[in-house]
Amino acid sequence: MIYVLVGIRAKSNIVAPDTKEIIVKEGSKITKVALKKMEAAGIKEIPILRSEIIGRVTLKDIVDHSTGEIIIDGNKEITEEIFHKIISI
């Protein structure tokens, strides 16, 4: 789960593909609970601007699960370089 999204406002409704339930309304902040619902609904991607990620601080470690490498430790600021590593996972 990508906890870096917590606190970011959704640019549009985030909807469960099967049930069409609105998980996060447009303009509302994404919460940990919403992330869990998104994961349960099989949502793998949501549109987000790079500017909404750069400069934010991670809640938890972000790990490349294919290699086990920690991309960035929790409680660290996301730089442009780290952002590119995250999106390449």
C-alpha atoms as a PDB file:
ATOM      1  CA  MET A   1       0.000   0.000   0.000  1.00  0.00           C
ATOM      2  CA  ILE A   2       1.333   3.443  -0.879  1.00  0.00           C
ATOM      3  CA  TYR A   3       0.891   5.417   2.342  1.00  0.00           C
ATOM      4  CA  VAL A   4       2.424   8.512   0.741  1.00  0.00           C
ATOM      5  CA  LEU A   5      -1.032   9.207  -0.719  1.00  0.00           C
ATOM      6  CA  VAL A   6      -2.544   9.763   2.739  1.00  0.00           C
ATOM      7  CA  GLY A   7      -3.657  13.376   3.057  1.00  0.00           C
ATOM      8  CA  ILE A   8      -3.687  14.130  -0.665  1.00  0.00           C
ATOM      9  CA  ARG A   9      -6.988  15.390  -2.047  1.00  0.00           C
ATOM     10  CA  ALA A  10      -8.541  13.284  -4.791  1.00  0.00           C
ATOM     11  CA  LYS A  11      -8.740  15.149  -8.109  1.00  0.00           C
ATOM     12  CA  SER A  12     -11.788  13.074  -9.057  1.00  0.00           C
ATOM     13  CA  ASN A  13     -13.975  10.412  -7.453  1.00  0.00           C
ATOM     14  CA  ILE A  14     -12.123   7.181  -6.739  1.00  0.00           C
ATOM     15  CA  VAL A  15     -14.594   4.415  -7.498  1.00  0.00           C
ATOM     16  CA  ALA A  16     -14.495   0.660  -6.856  1.00  0.00           C
ATOM     17  CA  PRO A  17     -14.495  -0.928 -10.333  1.00  0.00           C
ATOM     18  CA  ASP A  18     -16.890  -3.776  -9.511  1.00  0.00           C
ATOM     19  CA  THR A  19     -19.409  -2.178  -7.149  1.00  0.00           C
ATOM     20  CA  LYS A  20     -19.147   1.414  -8.427  1.00  0.00           C
ATOM     21  CA  GLU A  21     -18.997   2.512  -4.756  1.00  0.00           C
ATOM     22  CA  ILE A  22     -17.317   5.880  -4.337  1.00  0.00           C
ATOM     23  CA  ILE A  23     -14.381   5.235  -2.021  1.00  0.00           C
ATOM     24  CA  VAL A  24     -13.042   8.813  -2.028  1.00  0.00           C
ATOM     25  CA  LYS A  25     -15.099  11.758  -3.235  1.00  0.00           C
ATOM     26  CA  GLU A  26     -13.549  14.387  -5.466  1.00  0.00           C
ATOM     27  CA  GLY A  27     -11.854  17.002  -3.297  1.00  0.00           C
ATOM     28  CA  SER A  28     -11.750  14.776  -0.200  1.00  0.00           C
ATOM     29  CA  LYS A  29      -8.499  13.680   1.400  1.00  0.00           C
ATOM     30  CA  ILE A  30      -7.283  10.121   0.905  1.00  0.00           C
ATOM     31  CA  THR A  31      -7.123   8.335   4.276  1.00  0.00           C
ATOM     32  CA  LYS A  32      -5.522   5.094   5.459  1.00  0.00           C
ATOM     33  CA  VAL A  33      -9.015   3.546   5.576  1.00  0.00           C
ATOM     34  CA  ALA A  34      -9.651   4.649   1.981  1.00  0.00           C
ATOM     35  CA  LEU A  35      -6.327   3.120   0.889  1.00  0.00           C
ATOM     36  CA  LYS A  36      -7.334  -0.203   2.452  1.00  0.00           C
ATOM     37  CA  LYS A  37     -10.707  -0.068   0.665  1.00  0.00           C
ATOM     38  CA  MET A  38      -8.946   0.752  -2.605  1.00  0.00           C
ATOM     39  CA  GLU A  39      -6.620  -2.207  -2.140  1.00  0.00           C
ATOM     40  CA  ALA A  40      -9.555  -4.524  -1.333  1.00  0.00           C
ATOM     41  CA  ALA A  41     -11.358  -3.272  -4.455  1.00  0.00           C
ATOM     42  CA  GLY A  42      -8.343  -4.089  -6.601  1.00  0.00           C
ATOM     43  CA  ILE A  43      -7.535  -0.480  -7.459  1.00  0.00           C
ATOM     44  CA  LYS A  44      -3.881  -0.420  -8.442  1.00  0.00           C
ATOM     45  CA  GLU A  45      -3.540   3.086  -9.868  1.00  0.00           C
ATOM     46  CA  ILE A  46      -5.043   6.520  -9.413  1.00  0.00           C
ATOM     47  CA  PRO A  47      -4.064   9.637 -11.318  1.00  0.00           C
ATOM     48  CA  ILE A  48      -1.924  11.996  -9.243  1.00  0.00           C
ATOM     49  CA  LEU A  49       0.325  14.910 -10.099  1.00  0.00           C
ATOM     50  CA  ARG A  50       4.061  14.707  -9.492  1.00  0.00           C
ATOM     51  CA  SER A  51       3.863  18.026  -7.656  1.00  0.00           C
ATOM     52  CA  GLU A  52       1.544  16.402  -5.105  1.00  0.00           C
ATOM     53  CA  ILE A  53       4.234  13.870  -4.151  1.00  0.00           C
ATOM     54  CA  ILE A  54       7.532  15.799  -4.314  1.00  0.00           C
ATOM     55  CA  GLY A  55       8.326  17.325  -0.932  1.00  0.00           C
ATOM     56  CA  ARG A  56       5.897  15.137   1.025  1.00  0.00           C
ATOM     57  CA  VAL A  57       7.100  12.972   3.889  1.00  0.00           C
ATOM     58  CA  THR A  58       6.624   9.204   3.881  1.00  0.00           C
ATOM     59  CA  LEU A  59       4.647   7.568   6.647  1.00  0.00           C
ATOM     60  CA  LYS A  60       6.368   4.192   6.273  1.00  0.00           C
ATOM     61  CA  ASP A  61       9.287   2.695   4.401  1.00  0.00           C
ATOM     62  CA  ILE A  62       8.634   2.321   0.686  1.00  0.00           C
ATOM     63  CA  VAL A  63      10.059  -1.001  -0.458  1.00  0.00           C
ATOM     64  CA  ASP A  64      10.655  -2.499  -3.876  1.00  0.00           C
ATOM     65  CA  HIS A  65       9.099  -5.896  -3.161  1.00  0.00           C
ATOM     66  CA  SER A  66      10.808  -7.526  -6.138  1.00  0.00           C
ATOM     67  CA  THR A  67      14.279  -6.829  -4.697  1.00  0.00           C
ATOM     68  CA  GLY A  68      13.596  -6.107  -1.032  1.00  0.00           C
ATOM     69  CA  GLU A  69      15.409  -2.770  -1.405  1.00  0.00           C
ATOM     70  CA  ILE A  70      14.114   0.059   0.767  1.00  0.00           C
ATOM     71  CA  ILE A  71      13.581   2.915  -1.679  1.00  0.00           C
ATOM     72  CA  ILE A  72      13.016   5.459   1.091  1.00  0.00           C
ATOM     73  CA  ASP A  73      12.751   5.146   4.847  1.00  0.00           C
ATOM     74  CA  GLY A  74       9.660   6.252   6.704  1.00  0.00           C
ATOM     75  CA  ASN A  75       9.536   9.870   7.878  1.00  0.00           C
ATOM     76  CA  LYS A  76      11.748  11.083   5.008  1.00  0.00           C
ATOM     77  CA  GLU A  77      11.015  13.716   2.379  1.00  0.00           C
ATOM     78  CA  ILE A  78      10.404  12.519  -1.158  1.00  0.00           C
ATOM     79  CA  THR A  79      12.842  14.159  -3.550  1.00  0.00           C
ATOM     80  CA  GLU A  80      12.670  14.218  -7.350  1.00  0.00           C
ATOM     81  CA  GLU A  81      15.209  11.346  -7.474  1.00  0.00           C
ATOM     82  CA  ILE A  82      13.247   9.210  -4.999  1.00  0.00           C
ATOM     83  CA  PHE A  83      10.006   9.985  -6.850  1.00  0.00           C
ATOM     84  CA  HIS A  84      11.471   8.498 -10.047  1.00  0.00           C
ATOM     85  CA  LYS A  85      12.564   5.374  -8.155  1.00  0.00           C
ATOM     86  CA  ILE A  86       9.067   4.968  -6.680  1.00  0.00           C
ATOM     87  CA  ILE A  87       7.301   5.211 -10.029  1.00  0.00           C
ATOM     88  CA  SER A  88       9.722   2.728 -11.592  1.00  0.00           C
ATOM     89  CA  ILE A  89       8.741  -0.024  -9.127  1.00  0.00           C
END
